[in-house]
Amino acid sequence: MNSEKAKYLAENMELRSRTDRLWLNNPVIMQG
C-alpha cells in the first residue's frame, strides 16, 4: 500500500466505518 492511498484511507476511515456494510460495518459483526 503506497503512502498516498494509506493517507486517503486513514482520513476517510470514519466515513467508511459507517457505510461499508461488507467489511468495516458488517450488519452481523458490528451491529448484531
PDB file of all heavy atoms in Angstrom:
ATOM      1  N   MET A   1       0.846  -1.196   0.000  1.00  0.00           N
ATOM      2  CA  MET A   1       0.000   0.000   0.000  1.00  0.00           C
ATOM      3  C   MET A   1       0.881   1.245   0.000  1.00  0.00           C
ATOM      4  O   MET A   1       1.716   1.409   0.883  1.00  0.00           O
ATOM      5  CB  MET A   1      -0.900   0.008   1.242  1.00  0.00           C
ATOM      6  CG  MET A   1      -1.879   1.184   1.285  1.00  0.00           C
ATOM      7  SD  MET A   1      -2.819   1.228   2.827  1.00  0.00           S
ATOM      8  CE  MET A   1      -3.665  -0.344   2.752  1.00  0.00           C
ATOM      9  N   ASN A   2       0.712   2.127  -0.997  1.00  0.00           N
ATOM     10  CA  ASN A   2       1.528   3.337  -1.031  1.00  0.00           C
ATOM     11  C   ASN A   2       1.021   4.353  -0.022  1.00  0.00           C
ATOM     12  O   ASN A   2      -0.112   4.272   0.473  1.00  0.00           O
ATOM     13  CB  ASN A   2       1.556   3.935  -2.448  1.00  0.00           C
ATOM     14  CG  ASN A   2       0.168   4.304  -2.956  1.00  0.00           C
ATOM     15  OD1 ASN A   2      -0.549   5.085  -2.336  1.00  0.00           O
ATOM     16  ND2 ASN A   2      -0.225   3.722  -4.095  1.00  0.00           N
ATOM     17  N   SER A   3       1.859   5.316   0.283  1.00  0.00           N
ATOM     18  CA  SER A   3       1.557   6.268   1.360  1.00  0.00           C
ATOM     19  C   SER A   3       0.355   7.153   1.047  1.00  0.00           C
ATOM     20  O   SER A   3      -0.428   7.489   1.936  1.00  0.00           O
ATOM     21  CB  SER A   3       2.790   7.139   1.628  1.00  0.00           C
ATOM     22  OG  SER A   3       3.170   7.845   0.456  1.00  0.00           O
ATOM     23  N   GLU A   4       0.196   7.534  -0.229  1.00  0.00           N
ATOM     24  CA  GLU A   4      -0.931   8.397  -0.591  1.00  0.00           C
ATOM     25  C   GLU A   4      -2.263   7.672  -0.398  1.00  0.00           C
ATOM     26  O   GLU A   4      -3.226   8.244   0.110  1.00  0.00           O
ATOM     27  CB  GLU A   4      -0.788   8.863  -2.046  1.00  0.00           C
ATOM     28  CG  GLU A   4       0.358   9.843  -2.262  1.00  0.00           C
ATOM     29  CD  GLU A   4       0.362  10.392  -3.664  1.00  0.00           C
ATOM     30  OE1 GLU A   4      -0.565  10.037  -4.443  1.00  0.00           O
ATOM     31  OE2 GLU A   4       1.262  11.178  -3.984  1.00  0.00           O
ATOM     32  N   LYS A   5      -2.310   6.411  -0.808  1.00  0.00           N
ATOM     33  CA  LYS A   5      -3.534   5.631  -0.621  1.00  0.00           C
ATOM     34  C   LYS A   5      -3.815   5.423   0.857  1.00  0.00           C
ATOM     35  O   LYS A   5      -4.963   5.525   1.303  1.00  0.00           O
ATOM     36  CB  LYS A   5      -3.405   4.283  -1.320  1.00  0.00           C
ATOM     37  CG  LYS A   5      -4.655   3.423  -1.213  1.00  0.00           C
ATOM     38  CD  LYS A   5      -4.503   2.115  -1.962  1.00  0.00           C
ATOM     39  CE  LYS A   5      -5.765   1.275  -1.839  1.00  0.00           C
ATOM     40  NZ  LYS A   5      -5.631  -0.026  -2.567  1.00  0.00           N
ATOM     41  N   ALA A   6      -2.757   5.134   1.637  1.00  0.00           N
ATOM     42  CA  ALA A   6      -2.926   4.938   3.077  1.00  0.00           C
ATOM     43  C   ALA A   6      -3.427   6.215   3.741  1.00  0.00           C
ATOM     44  O   ALA A   6      -4.289   6.167   4.625  1.00  0.00           O
ATOM     45  CB  ALA A   6      -1.604   4.494   3.699  1.00  0.00           C
ATOM     46  N   LYS A   7      -2.901   7.364   3.323  1.00  0.00           N
ATOM     47  CA  LYS A   7      -3.337   8.637   3.892  1.00  0.00           C
ATOM     48  C   LYS A   7      -4.798   8.903   3.577  1.00  0.00           C
ATOM     49  O   LYS A   7      -5.576   9.340   4.435  1.00  0.00           O
ATOM     50  CB  LYS A   7      -2.469   9.773   3.352  1.00  0.00           C
ATOM     51  CG  LYS A   7      -2.803  11.126   3.959  1.00  0.00           C
ATOM     52  CD  LYS A   7      -1.871  12.205   3.429  1.00  0.00           C
ATOM     53  CE  LYS A   7      -2.220  13.560   4.030  1.00  0.00           C
ATOM     54  NZ  LYS A   7      -1.327  14.636   3.499  1.00  0.00           N
ATOM     55  N   TYR A   8      -5.199   8.608   2.331  1.00  0.00           N
ATOM     56  CA  TYR A   8      -6.599   8.800   1.937  1.00  0.00           C
ATOM     57  C   TYR A   8      -7.515   7.892   2.749  1.00  0.00           C
ATOM     58  O   TYR A   8      -8.563   8.335   3.237  1.00  0.00           O
ATOM     59  CB  TYR A   8      -6.754   8.503   0.446  1.00  0.00           C
ATOM     60  CG  TYR A   8      -8.190   8.486  -0.011  1.00  0.00           C
ATOM     61  CD1 TYR A   8      -8.879   9.666  -0.274  1.00  0.00           C
ATOM     62  CD2 TYR A   8      -8.875   7.268  -0.156  1.00  0.00           C
ATOM     63  CE1 TYR A   8     -10.208   9.632  -0.681  1.00  0.00           C
ATOM     64  CE2 TYR A   8     -10.203   7.237  -0.555  1.00  0.00           C
ATOM     65  CZ  TYR A   8     -10.862   8.425  -0.819  1.00  0.00           C
ATOM     66  OH  TYR A   8     -12.181   8.392  -1.210  1.00  0.00           O
ATOM     67  N   LEU A   9      -7.121   6.619   2.905  1.00  0.00           N
ATOM     68  CA  LEU A   9      -7.941   5.678   3.674  1.00  0.00           C
ATOM     69  C   LEU A   9      -8.031   6.097   5.132  1.00  0.00           C
ATOM     70  O   LEU A   9      -9.093   6.004   5.753  1.00  0.00           O
ATOM     71  CB  LEU A   9      -7.354   4.276   3.567  1.00  0.00           C
ATOM     72  CG  LEU A   9      -7.455   3.603   2.187  1.00  0.00           C
ATOM     73  CD1 LEU A   9      -6.709   2.278   2.199  1.00  0.00           C
ATOM     74  CD2 LEU A   9      -8.903   3.385   1.793  1.00  0.00           C
ATOM     75  N   ALA A  10      -6.916   6.562   5.705  1.00  0.00           N
ATOM     76  CA  ALA A  10      -6.909   6.979   7.110  1.00  0.00           C
ATOM     77  C   ALA A  10      -7.813   8.182   7.331  1.00  0.00           C
ATOM     78  O   ALA A  10      -8.539   8.261   8.334  1.00  0.00           O
ATOM     79  CB  ALA A  10      -5.480   7.295   7.557  1.00  0.00           C
ATOM     80  N   GLU A  11      -7.787   9.128   6.403  1.00  0.00           N
ATOM     81  CA  GLU A  11      -8.599  10.335   6.541  1.00  0.00           C
ATOM     82  C   GLU A  11     -10.089  10.043   6.386  1.00  0.00           C
ATOM     83  O   GLU A  11     -10.930  10.768   6.934  1.00  0.00           O
ATOM     84  CB  GLU A  11      -8.165  11.373   5.499  1.00  0.00           C
ATOM     85  CG  GLU A  11      -6.780  11.956   5.769  1.00  0.00           C
ATOM     86  CD  GLU A  11      -6.326  12.879   4.652  1.00  0.00           C
ATOM     87  OE1 GLU A  11      -6.999  12.887   3.591  1.00  0.00           O
ATOM     88  OE2 GLU A  11      -5.319  13.576   4.834  1.00  0.00           O
ATOM     89  N   ASN A  12     -10.422   9.003   5.649  1.00  0.00           N
ATOM     90  CA  ASN A  12     -11.819   8.674   5.390  1.00  0.00           C
ATOM     91  C   ASN A  12     -12.276   7.406   6.120  1.00  0.00           C
ATOM     92  O   ASN A  12     -13.333   6.864   5.802  1.00  0.00           O
ATOM     93  CB  ASN A  12     -12.038   8.499   3.886  1.00  0.00           C
ATOM     94  CG  ASN A  12     -11.860   9.787   3.106  1.00  0.00           C
ATOM     95  OD1 ASN A  12     -12.777  10.591   2.985  1.00  0.00           O
ATOM     96  ND2 ASN A  12     -10.660   9.987   2.582  1.00  0.00           N
ATOM     97  N   MET A  13     -11.479   6.957   7.089  1.00  0.00           N
ATOM     98  CA  MET A  13     -11.782   5.701   7.767  1.00  0.00           C
ATOM     99  C   MET A  13     -13.100   5.772   8.547  1.00  0.00           C
ATOM    100  O   MET A  13     -13.876   4.811   8.561  1.00  0.00           O
ATOM    101  CB  MET A  13     -10.649   5.311   8.703  1.00  0.00           C
ATOM    102  CG  MET A  13     -10.788   3.924   9.302  1.00  0.00           C
ATOM    103  SD  MET A  13     -10.762   2.617   8.051  1.00  0.00           S
ATOM    104  CE  MET A  13      -9.034   2.692   7.548  1.00  0.00           C
ATOM    105  N   GLU A  14     -13.364   6.907   9.187  1.00  0.00           N
ATOM    106  CA  GLU A  14     -14.597   7.023   9.974  1.00  0.00           C
ATOM    107  C   GLU A  14     -15.827   6.914   9.093  1.00  0.00           C
ATOM    108  O   GLU A  14     -16.793   6.216   9.428  1.00  0.00           O
ATOM    109  CB  GLU A  14     -14.613   8.350  10.725  1.00  0.00           C
ATOM    110  CG  GLU A  14     -15.829   8.509  11.632  1.00  0.00           C
ATOM    111  CD  GLU A  14     -15.804   9.800  12.424  1.00  0.00           C
ATOM    112  OE1 GLU A  14     -14.770  10.506  12.385  1.00  0.00           O
ATOM    113  OE2 GLU A  14     -16.824  10.100  13.063  1.00  0.00           O
ATOM    114  N   LEU A  15     -15.785   7.582   7.929  1.00  0.00           N
ATOM    115  CA  LEU A  15     -16.913   7.508   6.997  1.00  0.00           C
ATOM    116  C   LEU A  15     -17.076   6.093   6.473  1.00  0.00           C
ATOM    117  O   LEU A  15     -18.200   5.561   6.418  1.00  0.00           O
ATOM    118  CB  LEU A  15     -16.696   8.479   5.837  1.00  0.00           C
ATOM    119  CG  LEU A  15     -17.761   8.448   4.726  1.00  0.00           C
ATOM    120  CD1 LEU A  15     -19.127   8.825   5.284  1.00  0.00           C
ATOM    121  CD2 LEU A  15     -17.365   9.381   3.584  1.00  0.00           C
ATOM    122  N   ARG A  16     -15.977   5.450   6.094  1.00  0.00           N
ATOM    123  CA  ARG A  16     -16.043   4.091   5.585  1.00  0.00           C
ATOM    124  C   ARG A  16     -16.529   3.119   6.664  1.00  0.00           C
ATOM    125  O   ARG A  16     -17.226   2.149   6.367  1.00  0.00           O
ATOM    126  CB  ARG A  16     -14.677   3.651   5.062  1.00  0.00           C
ATOM    127  CG  ARG A  16     -14.195   4.402   3.840  1.00  0.00           C
ATOM    128  CD  ARG A  16     -12.901   3.835   3.304  1.00  0.00           C
ATOM    129  NE  ARG A  16     -13.100   2.485   2.819  1.00  0.00           N
ATOM    130  CZ  ARG A  16     -12.310   1.470   3.119  1.00  0.00           C
ATOM    131  NH1 ARG A  16     -11.297   1.629   3.952  1.00  0.00           N
ATOM    132  NH2 ARG A  16     -12.531   0.267   2.616  1.00  0.00           N
ATOM    133  N   SER A  17     -16.169   3.398   7.908  1.00  0.00           N
ATOM    134  CA  SER A  17     -16.594   2.527   9.002  1.00  0.00           C
ATOM    135  C   SER A  17     -18.101   2.585   9.226  1.00  0.00           C
ATOM    136  O   SER A  17     -18.679   1.658   9.775  1.00  0.00           O
ATOM    137  CB  SER A  17     -15.866   2.924  10.301  1.00  0.00           C
ATOM    138  OG  SER A  17     -14.474   2.693  10.182  1.00  0.00           O
ATOM    139  N   ARG A  18     -18.730   3.682   8.809  1.00  0.00           N
ATOM    140  CA  ARG A  18     -20.185   3.807   8.949  1.00  0.00           C
ATOM    141  C   ARG A  18     -20.927   3.257   7.749  1.00  0.00           C
ATOM    142  O   ARG A  18     -22.070   2.807   7.881  1.00  0.00           O
ATOM    143  CB  ARG A  18     -20.579   5.275   9.160  1.00  0.00           C
ATOM    144  CG  ARG A  18     -20.097   5.893  10.452  1.00  0.00           C
ATOM    145  CD  ARG A  18     -20.889   7.157  10.761  1.00  0.00           C
ATOM    146  NE  ARG A  18     -20.877   8.087   9.647  1.00  0.00           N
ATOM    147  CZ  ARG A  18     -20.007   9.077   9.494  1.00  0.00           C
ATOM    148  NH1 ARG A  18     -19.045   9.237  10.395  1.00  0.00           N
ATOM    149  NH2 ARG A  18     -20.070   9.892   8.455  1.00  0.00           N
ATOM    150  N   THR A  19     -20.303   3.285   6.585  1.00  0.00           N
ATOM    151  CA  THR A  19     -21.033   2.972   5.356  1.00  0.00           C
ATOM    152  C   THR A  19     -20.674   1.629   4.722  1.00  0.00           C
ATOM    153  O   THR A  19     -21.438   1.123   3.891  1.00  0.00           O
ATOM    154  CB  THR A  19     -20.802   4.082   4.320  1.00  0.00           C
ATOM    155  OG1 THR A  19     -19.392   4.189   4.033  1.00  0.00           O
ATOM    156  CG2 THR A  19     -21.306   5.421   4.852  1.00  0.00           C
ATOM    157  N   ASP A  20     -19.538   1.059   5.070  1.00  0.00           N
ATOM    158  CA  ASP A  20     -19.091  -0.187   4.440  1.00  0.00           C
ATOM    159  C   ASP A  20     -19.795  -1.380   5.074  1.00  0.00           C
ATOM    160  O   ASP A  20     -19.368  -1.890   6.112  1.00  0.00           O
ATOM    161  CB  ASP A  20     -17.574  -0.328   4.587  1.00  0.00           C
ATOM    162  CG  ASP A  20     -17.048  -1.586   3.905  1.00  0.00           C
ATOM    163  OD1 ASP A  20     -17.850  -2.340   3.314  1.00  0.00           O
ATOM    164  OD2 ASP A  20     -15.832  -1.828   3.972  1.00  0.00           O
ATOM    165  N   ARG A  21     -20.901  -1.845   4.464  1.00  0.00           N
ATOM    166  CA  ARG A  21     -21.687  -2.938   5.027  1.00  0.00           C
ATOM    167  C   ARG A  21     -21.057  -4.318   4.807  1.00  0.00           C
ATOM    168  O   ARG A  21     -21.473  -5.291   5.418  1.00  0.00           O
ATOM    169  CB  ARG A  21     -23.102  -2.937   4.401  1.00  0.00           C
ATOM    170  CG  ARG A  21     -23.909  -1.677   4.683  1.00  0.00           C
ATOM    171  CD  ARG A  21     -24.173  -1.502   6.171  1.00  0.00           C
ATOM    172  NE  ARG A  21     -25.145  -0.469   6.446  1.00  0.00           N
ATOM    173  CZ  ARG A  21     -24.880   0.820   6.596  1.00  0.00           C
ATOM    174  NH1 ARG A  21     -23.640   1.229   6.475  1.00  0.00           N
ATOM    175  NH2 ARG A  21     -25.817   1.698   6.873  1.00  0.00           N
ATOM    176  N   LEU A  22     -20.071  -4.391   3.930  1.00  0.00           N
ATOM    177  CA  LEU A  22     -19.453  -5.684   3.651  1.00  0.00           C
ATOM    178  C   LEU A  22     -18.382  -6.048   4.671  1.00  0.00           C
ATOM    179  O   LEU A  22     -18.317  -7.190   5.135  1.00  0.00           O
ATOM    180  CB  LEU A  22     -18.821  -5.674   2.246  1.00  0.00           C
ATOM    181  CG  LEU A  22     -19.762  -5.449   1.071  1.00  0.00           C
ATOM    182  CD1 LEU A  22     -18.971  -5.433  -0.227  1.00  0.00           C
ATOM    183  CD2 LEU A  22     -20.806  -6.548   1.016  1.00  0.00           C
ATOM    184  N   TRP A  23     -17.587  -5.091   5.067  1.00  0.00           N
ATOM    185  CA  TRP A  23     -16.384  -5.385   5.830  1.00  0.00           C
ATOM    186  C   TRP A  23     -16.305  -4.606   7.138  1.00  0.00           C
ATOM    187  O   TRP A  23     -16.372  -5.186   8.223  1.00  0.00           O
ATOM    188  CB  TRP A  23     -15.170  -5.102   4.934  1.00  0.00           C
ATOM    189  CG  TRP A  23     -13.839  -4.986   5.589  1.00  0.00           C
ATOM    190  CD1 TRP A  23     -13.000  -3.892   5.573  1.00  0.00           C
ATOM    191  CD2 TRP A  23     -13.122  -5.983   6.336  1.00  0.00           C
ATOM    192  NE1 TRP A  23     -11.850  -4.148   6.261  1.00  0.00           N
ATOM    193  CE2 TRP A  23     -11.890  -5.423   6.733  1.00  0.00           C
ATOM    194  CE3 TRP A  23     -13.425  -7.292   6.707  1.00  0.00           C
ATOM    195  CZ2 TRP A  23     -10.959  -6.132   7.497  1.00  0.00           C
ATOM    196  CZ3 TRP A  23     -12.481  -7.994   7.461  1.00  0.00           C
ATOM    197  CH2 TRP A  23     -11.278  -7.426   7.843  1.00  0.00           C
ATOM    198  N   LEU A  24     -16.201  -3.285   7.066  1.00  0.00           N
ATOM    199  CA  LEU A  24     -15.966  -2.483   8.261  1.00  0.00           C
ATOM    200  C   LEU A  24     -17.217  -2.291   9.113  1.00  0.00           C
ATOM    201  O   LEU A  24     -17.108  -2.029  10.312  1.00  0.00           O
ATOM    202  CB  LEU A  24     -15.397  -1.113   7.870  1.00  0.00           C
ATOM    203  CG  LEU A  24     -14.039  -1.138   7.171  1.00  0.00           C
ATOM    204  CD1 LEU A  24     -13.626   0.275   6.760  1.00  0.00           C
ATOM    205  CD2 LEU A  24     -12.981  -1.749   8.082  1.00  0.00           C
ATOM    206  N   ASN A  25     -18.391  -2.388   8.519  1.00  0.00           N
ATOM    207  CA  ASN A  25     -19.633  -2.212   9.272  1.00  0.00           C
ATOM    208  C   ASN A  25     -20.623  -3.303   8.900  1.00  0.00           C
ATOM    209  O   ASN A  25     -21.795  -3.045   8.621  1.00  0.00           O
ATOM    210  CB  ASN A  25     -20.232  -0.824   9.003  1.00  0.00           C
ATOM    211  CG  ASN A  25     -21.328  -0.465   9.986  1.00  0.00           C
ATOM    212  OD1 ASN A  25     -21.388  -0.991  11.093  1.00  0.00           O
ATOM    213  ND2 ASN A  25     -22.215   0.425   9.584  1.00  0.00           N
ATOM    214  N   ASN A  26     -20.141  -4.543   8.895  1.00  0.00           N
ATOM    215  CA  ASN A  26     -20.990  -5.683   8.561  1.00  0.00           C
ATOM    216  C   ASN A  26     -22.185  -5.741   9.514  1.00  0.00           C
ATOM    217  O   ASN A  26     -22.016  -5.565  10.726  1.00  0.00           O
ATOM    218  CB  ASN A  26     -20.176  -6.969   8.658  1.00  0.00           C
ATOM    219  CG  ASN A  26     -20.938  -8.195   8.212  1.00  0.00           C
ATOM    220  OD1 ASN A  26     -21.743  -8.743   8.961  1.00  0.00           O
ATOM    221  ND2 ASN A  26     -20.687  -8.636   6.998  1.00  0.00           N
ATOM    222  N   PRO A  27     -23.407  -5.973   9.013  1.00  0.00           N
ATOM    223  CA  PRO A  27     -24.602  -5.920   9.865  1.00  0.00           C
ATOM    224  C   PRO A  27     -24.605  -6.927  11.009  1.00  0.00           C
ATOM    225  O   PRO A  27     -25.227  -6.681  12.038  1.00  0.00           O
ATOM    226  CB  PRO A  27     -25.743  -6.204   8.881  1.00  0.00           C
ATOM    227  CG  PRO A  27     -25.109  -6.882   7.715  1.00  0.00           C
ATOM    228  CD  PRO A  27     -23.742  -6.279   7.616  1.00  0.00           C
ATOM    229  N   VAL A  28     -23.936  -8.047  10.845  1.00  0.00           N
ATOM    230  CA  VAL A  28     -23.869  -9.039  11.922  1.00  0.00           C
ATOM    231  C   VAL A  28     -22.713  -8.731  12.860  1.00  0.00           C
ATOM    232  O   VAL A  28     -22.875  -8.637  14.080  1.00  0.00           O
ATOM    233  CB  VAL A  28     -23.693 -10.469  11.353  1.00  0.00           C
ATOM    234  CG1 VAL A  28     -23.584 -11.477  12.498  1.00  0.00           C
ATOM    235  CG2 VAL A  28     -24.844 -10.825  10.445  1.00  0.00           C
ATOM    236  N   ILE A  29     -21.539  -8.543  12.307  1.00  0.00           N
ATOM    237  CA  ILE A  29     -20.321  -8.392  13.099  1.00  0.00           C
ATOM    238  C   ILE A  29     -20.343  -7.133  13.952  1.00  0.00           C
ATOM    239  O   ILE A  29     -19.977  -7.154  15.133  1.00  0.00           O
ATOM    240  CB  ILE A  29     -19.089  -8.375  12.191  1.00  0.00           C
ATOM    241  CG1 ILE A  29     -19.052  -9.612  11.284  1.00  0.00           C
ATOM    242  CG2 ILE A  29     -17.815  -8.272  13.011  1.00  0.00           C
ATOM    243  CD1 ILE A  29     -19.014 -10.923  12.020  1.00  0.00           C
ATOM    244  N   MET A  30     -20.764  -6.017  13.378  1.00  0.00           N
ATOM    245  CA  MET A  30     -20.671  -4.746  14.070  1.00  0.00           C
ATOM    246  C   MET A  30     -21.988  -4.275  14.670  1.00  0.00           C
ATOM    247  O   MET A  30     -21.989  -3.454  15.578  1.00  0.00           O
ATOM    248  CB  MET A  30     -20.140  -3.667  13.104  1.00  0.00           C
ATOM    249  CG  MET A  30     -18.832  -4.026  12.425  1.00  0.00           C
ATOM    250  SD  MET A  30     -17.492  -4.489  13.574  1.00  0.00           S
ATOM    251  CE  MET A  30     -17.205  -2.919  14.381  1.00  0.00           C
ATOM    252  N   GLN A  31     -23.134  -4.780  14.177  1.00  0.00           N
ATOM    253  CA  GLN A  31     -24.422  -4.299  14.660  1.00  0.00           C
ATOM    254  C   GLN A  31     -25.261  -5.382  15.326  1.00  0.00           C
ATOM    255  O   GLN A  31     -26.271  -5.080  15.955  1.00  0.00           O
ATOM    256  CB  GLN A  31     -25.216  -3.697  13.487  1.00  0.00           C
ATOM    257  CG  GLN A  31     -24.513  -2.551  12.795  1.00  0.00           C
ATOM    258  CD  GLN A  31     -25.272  -2.065  11.582  1.00  0.00           C
ATOM    259  OE1 GLN A  31     -26.489  -1.873  11.624  1.00  0.00           O
ATOM    260  NE2 GLN A  31     -24.572  -1.865  10.478  1.00  0.00           N
ATOM    261  N   GLY A  32     -24.862  -6.632  15.177  1.00  0.00           N
ATOM    262  CA  GLY A  32     -25.591  -7.724  15.822  1.00  0.00           C
ATOM    263  C   GLY A  32     -26.963  -7.984  15.248  1.00  0.00           C
ATOM    264  O   GLY A  32     -27.862  -8.455  15.960  1.00  0.00           O
TER     265      GLY A  32
END
